Amino acid sequence: HIPDGASVFLNIGTSTEAVARALLAHRDLMVITNNMNVANILVANA
């Protein structure tokens, strides 16, 4: 339910970290987060 090219905020939590992993194949995202784990997960998405 999150399209490519969207701006997304992911907050603190293990469920939002799971969403970050599910977004690894998305394109042209801007992700704002206050969760260091989310940032580290999404580093893999160029």
PDB file of all heavy atoms in Angstrom:
ATOM      1  N   HIS A   1       0.821  -1.215   0.000  1.00  0.00           N
ATOM      2  CA  HIS A   1       0.000   0.000   0.000  1.00  0.00           C
ATOM      3  C   HIS A   1       0.858   1.270   0.000  1.00  0.00           C
ATOM      4  O   HIS A   1       0.343   2.370   0.227  1.00  0.00           O
ATOM      5  CB  HIS A   1      -0.943  -0.002   1.206  1.00  0.00           C
ATOM      6  CG  HIS A   1      -2.074  -0.974   1.072  1.00  0.00           C
ATOM      7  ND1 HIS A   1      -1.931  -2.330   1.320  1.00  0.00           N
ATOM      8  CD2 HIS A   1      -3.363  -0.798   0.686  1.00  0.00           C
ATOM      9  CE1 HIS A   1      -3.088  -2.932   1.119  1.00  0.00           C
ATOM     10  NE2 HIS A   1      -3.969  -2.032   0.738  1.00  0.00           N
ATOM     11  N   ILE A   2       2.154   1.103  -0.225  1.00  0.00           N
ATOM     12  CA  ILE A   2       3.064   2.238  -0.352  1.00  0.00           C
ATOM     13  C   ILE A   2       3.658   2.205  -1.754  1.00  0.00           C
ATOM     14  O   ILE A   2       4.384   1.269  -2.098  1.00  0.00           O
ATOM     15  CB  ILE A   2       4.178   2.177   0.706  1.00  0.00           C
ATOM     16  CG1 ILE A   2       3.578   2.253   2.117  1.00  0.00           C
ATOM     17  CG2 ILE A   2       5.184   3.313   0.489  1.00  0.00           C
ATOM     18  CD1 ILE A   2       4.574   2.044   3.226  1.00  0.00           C
ATOM     19  N   PRO A   3       3.354   3.178  -2.586  1.00  0.00           N
ATOM     20  CA  PRO A   3       3.849   3.150  -3.966  1.00  0.00           C
ATOM     21  C   PRO A   3       5.304   3.606  -4.069  1.00  0.00           C
ATOM     22  O   PRO A   3       5.842   4.243  -3.155  1.00  0.00           O
ATOM     23  CB  PRO A   3       2.922   4.136  -4.676  1.00  0.00           C
ATOM     24  CG  PRO A   3       2.565   5.127  -3.614  1.00  0.00           C
ATOM     25  CD  PRO A   3       2.479   4.337  -2.328  1.00  0.00           C
ATOM     26  N   ASP A   4       5.940   3.261  -5.177  1.00  0.00           N
ATOM     27  CA  ASP A   4       7.249   3.828  -5.480  1.00  0.00           C
ATOM     28  C   ASP A   4       7.128   5.351  -5.549  1.00  0.00           C
ATOM     29  O   ASP A   4       6.066   5.894  -5.879  1.00  0.00           O
ATOM     30  CB  ASP A   4       7.760   3.303  -6.826  1.00  0.00           C
ATOM     31  CG  ASP A   4       8.117   1.825  -6.788  1.00  0.00           C
ATOM     32  OD1 ASP A   4       8.345   1.301  -5.681  1.00  0.00           O
ATOM     33  OD2 ASP A   4       8.168   1.197  -7.861  1.00  0.00           O
ATOM     34  N   GLY A   5       8.224   6.024  -5.255  1.00  0.00           N
ATOM     35  CA  GLY A   5       8.238   7.472  -5.375  1.00  0.00           C
ATOM     36  C   GLY A   5       7.566   8.210  -4.237  1.00  0.00           C
ATOM     37  O   GLY A   5       7.284   9.411  -4.354  1.00  0.00           O
ATOM     38  N   ALA A   6       7.304   7.534  -3.132  1.00  0.00           N
ATOM     39  CA  ALA A   6       6.603   8.158  -2.004  1.00  0.00           C
ATOM     40  C   ALA A   6       7.584   8.595  -0.925  1.00  0.00           C
ATOM     41  O   ALA A   6       8.715   8.109  -0.829  1.00  0.00           O
ATOM     42  CB  ALA A   6       5.594   7.181  -1.409  1.00  0.00           C
ATOM     43  N   SER A   7       7.140   9.522  -0.097  1.00  0.00           N
ATOM     44  CA  SER A   7       7.874   9.869   1.127  1.00  0.00           C
ATOM     45  C   SER A   7       7.177   9.165   2.289  1.00  0.00           C
ATOM     46  O   SER A   7       5.950   9.202   2.405  1.00  0.00           O
ATOM     47  CB  SER A   7       7.903  11.381   1.347  1.00  0.00           C
ATOM     48  OG  SER A   7       6.588  11.919   1.395  1.00  0.00           O
ATOM     49  N   VAL A   8       7.974   8.510   3.136  1.00  0.00           N
ATOM     50  CA  VAL A   8       7.431   7.635   4.177  1.00  0.00           C
ATOM     51  C   VAL A   8       8.168   7.870   5.490  1.00  0.00           C
ATOM     52  O   VAL A   8       9.403   7.994   5.495  1.00  0.00           O
ATOM     53  CB  VAL A   8       7.605   6.144   3.791  1.00  0.00           C
ATOM     54  CG1 VAL A   8       6.910   5.240   4.808  1.00  0.00           C
ATOM     55  CG2 VAL A   8       7.094   5.870   2.390  1.00  0.00           C
ATOM     56  N   PHE A   9       7.422   7.930   6.585  1.00  0.00           N
ATOM     57  CA  PHE A   9       8.052   7.955   7.912  1.00  0.00           C
ATOM     58  C   PHE A   9       7.842   6.589   8.560  1.00  0.00           C
ATOM     59  O   PHE A   9       6.721   6.086   8.614  1.00  0.00           O
ATOM     60  CB  PHE A   9       7.457   9.040   8.811  1.00  0.00           C
ATOM     61  CG  PHE A   9       8.344   9.360   9.983  1.00  0.00           C
ATOM     62  CD1 PHE A   9       9.081  10.530   9.997  1.00  0.00           C
ATOM     63  CD2 PHE A   9       8.473   8.480  11.053  1.00  0.00           C
ATOM     64  CE1 PHE A   9       9.929  10.823  11.068  1.00  0.00           C
ATOM     65  CE2 PHE A   9       9.315   8.750  12.110  1.00  0.00           C
ATOM     66  CZ  PHE A   9      10.047   9.929  12.125  1.00  0.00           C
ATOM     67  N   LEU A  10       8.928   6.003   9.064  1.00  0.00           N
ATOM     68  CA  LEU A  10       8.870   4.752   9.829  1.00  0.00           C
ATOM     69  C   LEU A  10       9.373   5.041  11.236  1.00  0.00           C
ATOM     70  O   LEU A  10      10.497   5.504  11.406  1.00  0.00           O
ATOM     71  CB  LEU A  10       9.740   3.670   9.181  1.00  0.00           C
ATOM     72  CG  LEU A  10       9.383   3.235   7.762  1.00  0.00           C
ATOM     73  CD1 LEU A  10      10.394   2.208   7.257  1.00  0.00           C
ATOM     74  CD2 LEU A  10       7.985   2.646   7.702  1.00  0.00           C
ATOM     75  N   ASN A  11       8.551   4.752  12.234  1.00  0.00           N
ATOM     76  CA  ASN A  11       8.972   5.103  13.594  1.00  0.00           C
ATOM     77  C   ASN A  11       9.601   3.922  14.322  1.00  0.00           C
ATOM     78  O   ASN A  11       9.991   2.922  13.712  1.00  0.00           O
ATOM     79  CB  ASN A  11       7.815   5.743  14.376  1.00  0.00           C
ATOM     80  CG  ASN A  11       6.827   4.740  14.935  1.00  0.00           C
ATOM     81  OD1 ASN A  11       6.716   3.605  14.466  1.00  0.00           O
ATOM     82  ND2 ASN A  11       6.080   5.154  15.947  1.00  0.00           N
ATOM     83  N   ILE A  12       9.696   4.034  15.630  1.00  0.00           N
ATOM     84  CA  ILE A  12      10.374   3.033  16.447  1.00  0.00           C
ATOM     85  C   ILE A  12       9.512   1.779  16.585  1.00  0.00           C
ATOM     86  O   ILE A  12       8.301   1.872  16.777  1.00  0.00           O
ATOM     87  CB  ILE A  12      10.674   3.601  17.851  1.00  0.00           C
ATOM     88  CG1 ILE A  12      11.513   4.875  17.747  1.00  0.00           C
ATOM     89  CG2 ILE A  12      11.390   2.580  18.723  1.00  0.00           C
ATOM     90  CD1 ILE A  12      11.649   5.630  19.061  1.00  0.00           C
ATOM     91  N   GLY A  13      10.141   0.601  16.495  1.00  0.00           N
ATOM     92  CA  GLY A  13       9.415  -0.634  16.739  1.00  0.00           C
ATOM     93  C   GLY A  13       9.864  -1.766  15.837  1.00  0.00           C
ATOM     94  O   GLY A  13      10.349  -1.544  14.729  1.00  0.00           O
ATOM     95  N   THR A  14       9.684  -2.979  16.319  1.00  0.00           N
ATOM     96  CA  THR A  14      10.085  -4.138  15.531  1.00  0.00           C
ATOM     97  C   THR A  14       9.151  -4.378  14.346  1.00  0.00           C
ATOM     98  O   THR A  14       9.568  -4.917  13.331  1.00  0.00           O
ATOM     99  CB  THR A  14      10.140  -5.391  16.419  1.00  0.00           C
ATOM    100  OG1 THR A  14       8.865  -5.592  17.060  1.00  0.00           O
ATOM    101  CG2 THR A  14      11.205  -5.259  17.500  1.00  0.00           C
ATOM    102  N   SER A  15       7.898  -3.949  14.460  1.00  0.00           N
ATOM    103  CA  SER A  15       6.968  -4.109  13.330  1.00  0.00           C
ATOM    104  C   SER A  15       7.328  -3.147  12.200  1.00  0.00           C
ATOM    105  O   SER A  15       7.261  -3.504  11.021  1.00  0.00           O
ATOM    106  CB  SER A  15       5.519  -3.873  13.784  1.00  0.00           C
ATOM    107  OG  SER A  15       5.113  -4.876  14.688  1.00  0.00           O
ATOM    108  N   THR A  16       7.710  -1.914  12.542  1.00  0.00           N
ATOM    109  CA  THR A  16       8.106  -0.968  11.504  1.00  0.00           C
ATOM    110  C   THR A  16       9.438  -1.379  10.881  1.00  0.00           C
ATOM    111  O   THR A  16       9.686  -1.114   9.700  1.00  0.00           O
ATOM    112  CB  THR A  16       8.187   0.466  12.048  1.00  0.00           C
ATOM    113  OG1 THR A  16       8.997   0.495  13.217  1.00  0.00           O
ATOM    114  CG2 THR A  16       6.803   0.989  12.383  1.00  0.00           C
ATOM    115  N   GLU A  17      10.284  -2.047  11.653  1.00  0.00           N
ATOM    116  CA  GLU A  17      11.527  -2.581  11.081  1.00  0.00           C
ATOM    117  C   GLU A  17      11.209  -3.668  10.049  1.00  0.00           C
ATOM    118  O   GLU A  17      11.882  -3.774   9.008  1.00  0.00           O
ATOM    119  CB  GLU A  17      12.420  -3.125  12.193  1.00  0.00           C
ATOM    120  CG  GLU A  17      13.019  -2.019  13.052  1.00  0.00           C
ATOM    121  CD  GLU A  17      13.639  -2.509  14.341  1.00  0.00           C
ATOM    122  OE1 GLU A  17      13.988  -3.710  14.427  1.00  0.00           O
ATOM    123  OE2 GLU A  17      13.782  -1.699  15.280  1.00  0.00           O
ATOM    124  N   ALA A  18      10.172  -4.465  10.314  1.00  0.00           N
ATOM    125  CA  ALA A  18       9.744  -5.463   9.328  1.00  0.00           C
ATOM    126  C   ALA A  18       9.244  -4.787   8.057  1.00  0.00           C
ATOM    127  O   ALA A  18       9.493  -5.258   6.940  1.00  0.00           O
ATOM    128  CB  ALA A  18       8.660  -6.360   9.927  1.00  0.00           C
ATOM    129  N   VAL A  19       8.546  -3.663   8.203  1.00  0.00           N
ATOM    130  CA  VAL A  19       8.081  -2.907   7.032  1.00  0.00           C
ATOM    131  C   VAL A  19       9.281  -2.387   6.245  1.00  0.00           C
ATOM    132  O   VAL A  19       9.286  -2.407   5.004  1.00  0.00           O
ATOM    133  CB  VAL A  19       7.151  -1.755   7.449  1.00  0.00           C
ATOM    134  CG1 VAL A  19       6.794  -0.891   6.236  1.00  0.00           C
ATOM    135  CG2 VAL A  19       5.880  -2.298   8.106  1.00  0.00           C
ATOM    136  N   ALA A  20      10.320  -1.937   6.931  1.00  0.00           N
ATOM    137  CA  ALA A  20      11.534  -1.465   6.242  1.00  0.00           C
ATOM    138  C   ALA A  20      12.110  -2.576   5.362  1.00  0.00           C
ATOM    139  O   ALA A  20      12.492  -2.333   4.208  1.00  0.00           O
ATOM    140  CB  ALA A  20      12.565  -0.996   7.261  1.00  0.00           C
ATOM    141  N   ARG A  21      12.151  -3.786   5.876  1.00  0.00           N
ATOM    142  CA  ARG A  21      12.656  -4.908   5.066  1.00  0.00           C
ATOM    143  C   ARG A  21      11.758  -5.151   3.859  1.00  0.00           C
ATOM    144  O   ARG A  21      12.240  -5.495   2.768  1.00  0.00           O
ATOM    145  CB  ARG A  21      12.759  -6.167   5.924  1.00  0.00           C
ATOM    146  CG  ARG A  21      13.789  -6.079   7.041  1.00  0.00           C
ATOM    147  CD  ARG A  21      13.960  -7.382   7.805  1.00  0.00           C
ATOM    148  NE  ARG A  21      14.804  -7.184   8.966  1.00  0.00           N
ATOM    149  CZ  ARG A  21      14.356  -6.892  10.177  1.00  0.00           C
ATOM    150  NH1 ARG A  21      13.039  -6.780  10.399  1.00  0.00           N
ATOM    151  NH2 ARG A  21      15.189  -6.714  11.189  1.00  0.00           N
ATOM    152  N   ALA A  22      10.457  -4.980   4.054  1.00  0.00           N
ATOM    153  CA  ALA A  22       9.518  -5.197   2.950  1.00  0.00           C
ATOM    154  C   ALA A  22       9.609  -4.105   1.892  1.00  0.00           C
ATOM    155  O   ALA A  22       9.087  -4.276   0.781  1.00  0.00           O
ATOM    156  CB  ALA A  22       8.091  -5.291   3.499  1.00  0.00           C
ATOM    157  N   LEU A  23      10.261  -3.003   2.209  1.00  0.00           N
ATOM    158  CA  LEU A  23      10.408  -1.887   1.261  1.00  0.00           C
ATOM    159  C   LEU A  23      11.736  -1.919   0.505  1.00  0.00           C
ATOM    160  O   LEU A  23      12.020  -1.010  -0.273  1.00  0.00           O
ATOM    161  CB  LEU A  23      10.292  -0.551   2.003  1.00  0.00           C
ATOM    162  CG  LEU A  23       8.914  -0.190   2.566  1.00  0.00           C
ATOM    163  CD1 LEU A  23       9.005   1.064   3.420  1.00  0.00           C
ATOM    164  CD2 LEU A  23       7.889   0.001   1.453  1.00  0.00           C
ATOM    165  N   LEU A  24      12.529  -2.952   0.707  1.00  0.00           N
ATOM    166  CA  LEU A  24      13.858  -2.990   0.107  1.00  0.00           C
ATOM    167  C   LEU A  24      13.828  -3.020  -1.421  1.00  0.00           C
ATOM    168  O   LEU A  24      14.799  -2.626  -2.063  1.00  0.00           O
ATOM    169  CB  LEU A  24      14.651  -4.197   0.644  1.00  0.00           C
ATOM    170  CG  LEU A  24      15.176  -4.031   2.074  1.00  0.00           C
ATOM    171  CD1 LEU A  24      15.796  -5.322   2.575  1.00  0.00           C
ATOM    172  CD2 LEU A  24      16.191  -2.889   2.151  1.00  0.00           C
ATOM    173  N   ALA A  25      12.729  -3.485  -2.010  1.00  0.00           N
ATOM    174  CA  ALA A  25      12.640  -3.531  -3.471  1.00  0.00           C
ATOM    175  C   ALA A  25      11.936  -2.304  -4.054  1.00  0.00           C
ATOM    176  O   ALA A  25      11.824  -2.178  -5.269  1.00  0.00           O
ATOM    177  CB  ALA A  25      11.914  -4.806  -3.910  1.00  0.00           C
ATOM    178  N   HIS A  26      11.464  -1.399  -3.212  1.00  0.00           N
ATOM    179  CA  HIS A  26      10.796  -0.192  -3.711  1.00  0.00           C
ATOM    180  C   HIS A  26      11.812   0.766  -4.331  1.00  0.00           C
ATOM    181  O   HIS A  26      12.990   0.770  -3.975  1.00  0.00           O
ATOM    182  CB  HIS A  26      10.052   0.507  -2.564  1.00  0.00           C
ATOM    183  CG  HIS A  26       8.691  -0.039  -2.286  1.00  0.00           C
ATOM    184  ND1 HIS A  26       8.450  -1.379  -2.077  1.00  0.00           N
ATOM    185  CD2 HIS A  26       7.470   0.586  -2.196  1.00  0.00           C
ATOM    186  CE1 HIS A  26       7.150  -1.556  -1.845  1.00  0.00           C
ATOM    187  NE2 HIS A  26       6.540  -0.382  -1.928  1.00  0.00           N
ATOM    188  N   ARG A  27      11.321   1.599  -5.228  1.00  0.00           N
ATOM    189  CA  ARG A  27      12.180   2.535  -5.942  1.00  0.00           C
ATOM    190  C   ARG A  27      11.808   3.985  -5.609  1.00  0.00           C
ATOM    191  O   ARG A  27      10.644   4.293  -5.352  1.00  0.00           O
ATOM    192  CB  ARG A  27      12.060   2.314  -7.457  1.00  0.00           C
ATOM    193  CG  ARG A  27      12.486   0.921  -7.912  1.00  0.00           C
ATOM    194  CD  ARG A  27      12.096   0.678  -9.370  1.00  0.00           C
ATOM    195  NE  ARG A  27      12.730   1.654 -10.248  1.00  0.00           N
ATOM    196  CZ  ARG A  27      13.933   1.498 -10.782  1.00  0.00           C
ATOM    197  NH1 ARG A  27      14.643   0.413 -10.528  1.00  0.00           N
ATOM    198  NH2 ARG A  27      14.449   2.431 -11.582  1.00  0.00           N
ATOM    199  N   ASP A  28      12.824   4.833  -5.625  1.00  0.00           N
ATOM    200  CA  ASP A  28      12.638   6.288  -5.492  1.00  0.00           C
ATOM    201  C   ASP A  28      11.878   6.682  -4.225  1.00  0.00           C
ATOM    202  O   ASP A  28      11.026   7.574  -4.252  1.00  0.00           O
ATOM    203  CB  ASP A  28      11.903   6.846  -6.718  1.00  0.00           C
ATOM    204  CG  ASP A  28      12.674   6.583  -8.009  1.00  0.00           C
ATOM    205  OD1 ASP A  28      13.910   6.685  -7.979  1.00  0.00           O
ATOM    206  OD2 ASP A  28      12.033   6.275  -9.023  1.00  0.00           O
ATOM    207  N   LEU A  29      12.195   6.026  -3.120  1.00  0.00           N
ATOM    208  CA  LEU A  29      11.572   6.381  -1.846  1.00  0.00           C
ATOM    209  C   LEU A  29      12.409   7.420  -1.113  1.00  0.00           C
ATOM    210  O   LEU A  29      13.633   7.448  -1.226  1.00  0.00           O
ATOM    211  CB  LEU A  29      11.437   5.160  -0.941  1.00  0.00           C
ATOM    212  CG  LEU A  29      10.430   4.072  -1.289  1.00  0.00           C
ATOM    213  CD1 LEU A  29      10.487   2.979  -0.208  1.00  0.00           C
ATOM    214  CD2 LEU A  29       9.024   4.620  -1.404  1.00  0.00           C
ATOM    215  N   MET A  30      11.739   8.262  -0.348  1.00  0.00           N
ATOM    216  CA  MET A  30      12.401   9.021   0.711  1.00  0.00           C
ATOM    217  C   MET A  30      11.832   8.504   2.023  1.00  0.00           C
ATOM    218  O   MET A  30      10.616   8.567   2.249  1.00  0.00           O
ATOM    219  CB  MET A  30      12.149  10.523   0.612  1.00  0.00           C
ATOM    220  CG  MET A  30      12.705  11.278   1.834  1.00  0.00           C
ATOM    221  SD  MET A  30      12.302  13.052   1.866  1.00  0.00           S
ATOM    222  CE  MET A  30      13.567  13.662   0.755  1.00  0.00           C
ATOM    223  N   VAL A  31      12.686   7.964   2.871  1.00  0.00           N
ATOM    224  CA  VAL A  31      12.253   7.447   4.168  1.00  0.00           C
ATOM    225  C   VAL A  31      12.853   8.307   5.269  1.00  0.00           C
ATOM    226  O   VAL A  31      14.072   8.488   5.340  1.00  0.00           O
ATOM    227  CB  VAL A  31      12.660   5.974   4.365  1.00  0.00           C
ATOM    228  CG1 VAL A  31      12.348   5.525   5.793  1.00  0.00           C
ATOM    229  CG2 VAL A  31      11.933   5.080   3.368  1.00  0.00           C
ATOM    230  N   ILE A  32      11.985   8.870   6.081  1.00  0.00           N
ATOM    231  CA  ILE A  32      12.407   9.611   7.268  1.00  0.00           C
ATOM    232  C   ILE A  32      12.149   8.686   8.448  1.00  0.00           C
ATOM    233  O   ILE A  32      11.106   8.015   8.515  1.00  0.00           O
ATOM    234  CB  ILE A  32      11.606  10.925   7.432  1.00  0.00           C
ATOM    235  CG1 ILE A  32      11.665  11.752   6.148  1.00  0.00           C
ATOM    236  CG2 ILE A  32      12.138  11.729   8.607  1.00  0.00           C
ATOM    237  CD1 ILE A  32      10.468  11.609   5.257  1.00  0.00           C
ATOM    238  N   THR A  33      13.087   8.618   9.362  1.00  0.00           N
ATOM    239  CA  THR A  33      12.920   7.694  10.480  1.00  0.00           C
ATOM    240  C   THR A  33      13.625   8.197  11.729  1.00  0.00           C
ATOM    241  O   THR A  33      14.632   8.905  11.645  1.00  0.00           O
ATOM    242  CB  THR A  33      13.438   6.286  10.124  1.00  0.00           C
ATOM    243  OG1 THR A  33      13.154   5.377  11.202  1.00  0.00           O
ATOM    244  CG2 THR A  33      14.938   6.300   9.850  1.00  0.00           C
ATOM    245  N   ASN A  34      13.081   7.838  12.873  1.00  0.00           N
ATOM    246  CA  ASN A  34      13.760   8.054  14.148  1.00  0.00           C
ATOM    247  C   ASN A  34      14.174   6.718  14.750  1.00  0.00           C
ATOM    248  O   ASN A  34      14.303   6.572  15.963  1.00  0.00           O
ATOM    249  CB  ASN A  34      12.869   8.833  15.131  1.00  0.00           C
ATOM    250  CG  ASN A  34      11.618   8.071  15.516  1.00  0.00           C
ATOM    251  OD1 ASN A  34      11.043   7.326  14.715  1.00  0.00           O
ATOM    252  ND2 ASN A  34      11.171   8.255  16.747  1.00  0.00           N
ATOM    253  N   ASN A  35      14.410   5.756  13.858  1.00  0.00           N
ATOM    254  CA  ASN A  35      14.776   4.396  14.258  1.00  0.00           C
ATOM    255  C   ASN A  35      16.084   4.036  13.553  1.00  0.00           C
ATOM    256  O   ASN A  35      16.105   3.838  12.335  1.00  0.00           O
ATOM    257  CB  ASN A  35      13.652   3.433  13.858  1.00  0.00           C
ATOM    258  CG  ASN A  35      13.882   2.020  14.343  1.00  0.00           C
ATOM    259  OD1 ASN A  35      15.000   1.600  14.587  1.00  0.00           O
ATOM    260  ND2 ASN A  35      12.800   1.264  14.461  1.00  0.00           N
ATOM    261  N   MET A  36      17.179   3.945  14.299  1.00  0.00           N
ATOM    262  CA  MET A  36      18.477   3.635  13.703  1.00  0.00           C
ATOM    263  C   MET A  36      18.478   2.276  13.020  1.00  0.00           C
ATOM    264  O   MET A  36      19.161   2.073  12.009  1.00  0.00           O
ATOM    265  CB  MET A  36      19.565   3.676  14.786  1.00  0.00           C
ATOM    266  CG  MET A  36      19.776   5.049  15.407  1.00  0.00           C
ATOM    267  SD  MET A  36      20.424   6.257  14.227  1.00  0.00           S
ATOM    268  CE  MET A  36      22.080   5.628  14.005  1.00  0.00           C
ATOM    269  N   ASN A  37      17.691   1.334  13.536  1.00  0.00           N
ATOM    270  CA  ASN A  37      17.621   0.007  12.918  1.00  0.00           C
ATOM    271  C   ASN A  37      16.986   0.082  11.533  1.00  0.00           C
ATOM    272  O   ASN A  37      17.417  -0.592  10.596  1.00  0.00           O
ATOM    273  CB  ASN A  37      16.832  -0.956  13.814  1.00  0.00           C
ATOM    274  CG  ASN A  37      17.466  -1.115  15.175  1.00  0.00           C
ATOM    275  OD1 ASN A  37      18.674  -1.245  15.295  1.00  0.00           O
ATOM    276  ND2 ASN A  37      16.658  -1.079  16.219  1.00  0.00           N
ATOM    277  N   VAL A  38      15.950   0.906  11.389  1.00  0.00           N
ATOM    278  CA  VAL A  38      15.306   1.109  10.084  1.00  0.00           C
ATOM    279  C   VAL A  38      16.309   1.688   9.089  1.00  0.00           C
ATOM    280  O   VAL A  38      16.411   1.240   7.942  1.00  0.00           O
ATOM    281  CB  VAL A  38      14.077   2.030  10.222  1.00  0.00           C
ATOM    282  CG1 VAL A  38      13.647   2.582   8.862  1.00  0.00           C
ATOM    283  CG2 VAL A  38      12.917   1.273  10.868  1.00  0.00           C
ATOM    284  N   ALA A  39      17.062   2.698   9.528  1.00  0.00           N
ATOM    285  CA  ALA A  39      18.053   3.315   8.640  1.00  0.00           C
ATOM    286  C   ALA A  39      19.083   2.294   8.180  1.00  0.00           C
ATOM    287  O   ALA A  39      19.432   2.235   6.991  1.00  0.00           O
ATOM    288  CB  ALA A  39      18.731   4.475   9.363  1.00  0.00           C
ATOM    289  N   ASN A  40      19.549   1.454   9.094  1.00  0.00           N
ATOM    290  CA  ASN A  40      20.548   0.443   8.746  1.00  0.00           C
ATOM    291  C   ASN A  40      19.988  -0.609   7.796  1.00  0.00           C
ATOM    292  O   ASN A  40      20.686  -1.091   6.909  1.00  0.00           O
ATOM    293  CB  ASN A  40      21.091  -0.220  10.016  1.00  0.00           C
ATOM    294  CG  ASN A  40      22.005   0.702  10.806  1.00  0.00           C
ATOM    295  OD1 ASN A  40      22.698   1.544  10.226  1.00  0.00           O
ATOM    296  ND2 ASN A  40      22.002   0.561  12.125  1.00  0.00           N
ATOM    297  N   ILE A  41      18.726  -0.965   7.964  1.00  0.00           N
ATOM    298  CA  ILE A  41      18.092  -1.934   7.064  1.00  0.00           C
ATOM    299  C   ILE A  41      18.008  -1.366   5.652  1.00  0.00           C
ATOM    300  O   ILE A  41      18.346  -2.039   4.665  1.00  0.00           O
ATOM    301  CB  ILE A  41      16.681  -2.311   7.579  1.00  0.00           C
ATOM    302  CG1 ILE A  41      16.778  -3.144   8.861  1.00  0.00           C
ATOM    303  CG2 ILE A  41      15.885  -3.068   6.506  1.00  0.00           C
ATOM    304  CD1 ILE A  41      15.468  -3.253   9.617  1.00  0.00           C
ATOM    305  N   LEU A  42      17.576  -0.112   5.532  1.00  0.00           N
ATOM    306  CA  LEU A  42      17.311   0.479   4.229  1.00  0.00           C
ATOM    307  C   LEU A  42      18.566   0.939   3.499  1.00  0.00           C
ATOM    308  O   LEU A  42      18.497   1.306   2.316  1.00  0.00           O
ATOM    309  CB  LEU A  42      16.335   1.642   4.377  1.00  0.00           C
ATOM    310  CG  LEU A  42      14.888   1.201   4.655  1.00  0.00           C
ATOM    311  CD1 LEU A  42      14.031   2.392   5.048  1.00  0.00           C
ATOM    312  CD2 LEU A  42      14.300   0.506   3.434  1.00  0.00           C
ATOM    313  N   VAL A  43      19.715   0.899   4.170  1.00  0.00           N
ATOM    314  CA  VAL A  43      20.973   1.187   3.487  1.00  0.00           C
ATOM    315  C   VAL A  43      21.142   0.257   2.283  1.00  0.00           C
ATOM    316  O   VAL A  43      21.736   0.635   1.264  1.00  0.00           O
ATOM    317  CB  VAL A  43      22.160   1.040   4.471  1.00  0.00           C
ATOM    318  CG1 VAL A  43      23.486   0.920   3.732  1.00  0.00           C
ATOM    319  CG2 VAL A  43      22.198   2.231   5.421  1.00  0.00           C
ATOM    320  N   ALA A  44      20.590  -0.943   2.364  1.00  0.00           N
ATOM    321  CA  ALA A  44      20.715  -1.923   1.280  1.00  0.00           C
ATOM    322  C   ALA A  44      19.897  -1.555   0.050  1.00  0.00           C
ATOM    323  O   ALA A  44      20.072  -2.163  -1.016  1.00  0.00           O
ATOM    324  CB  ALA A  44      20.302  -3.303   1.783  1.00  0.00           C
ATOM    325  N   ASN A  45      19.000  -0.577   0.164  1.00  0.00           N
ATOM    326  CA  ASN A  45      18.188  -0.142  -0.975  1.00  0.00           C
ATOM    327  C   ASN A  45      18.798   1.132  -1.556  1.00  0.00           C
ATOM    328  O   ASN A  45      18.607   2.230  -1.028  1.00  0.00           O
ATOM    329  CB  ASN A  45      16.743   0.114  -0.539  1.00  0.00           C
ATOM    330  CG  ASN A  45      15.826   0.498  -1.694  1.00  0.00           C
ATOM    331  OD1 ASN A  45      16.288   0.750  -2.804  1.00  0.00           O
ATOM    332  ND2 ASN A  45      14.540   0.536  -1.437  1.00  0.00           N
ATOM    333  N   ALA A  46      19.520   0.977  -2.672  1.00  0.00           N
ATOM    334  CA  ALA A  46      20.194   2.126  -3.288  1.00  0.00           C
ATOM    335  C   ALA A  46      19.210   3.129  -3.863  1.00  0.00           C
ATOM    336  O   ALA A  46      19.574   4.262  -4.174  1.00  0.00           O
ATOM    337  CB  ALA A  46      21.138   1.635  -4.387  1.00  0.00           C
TER     338      ALA A  46
END
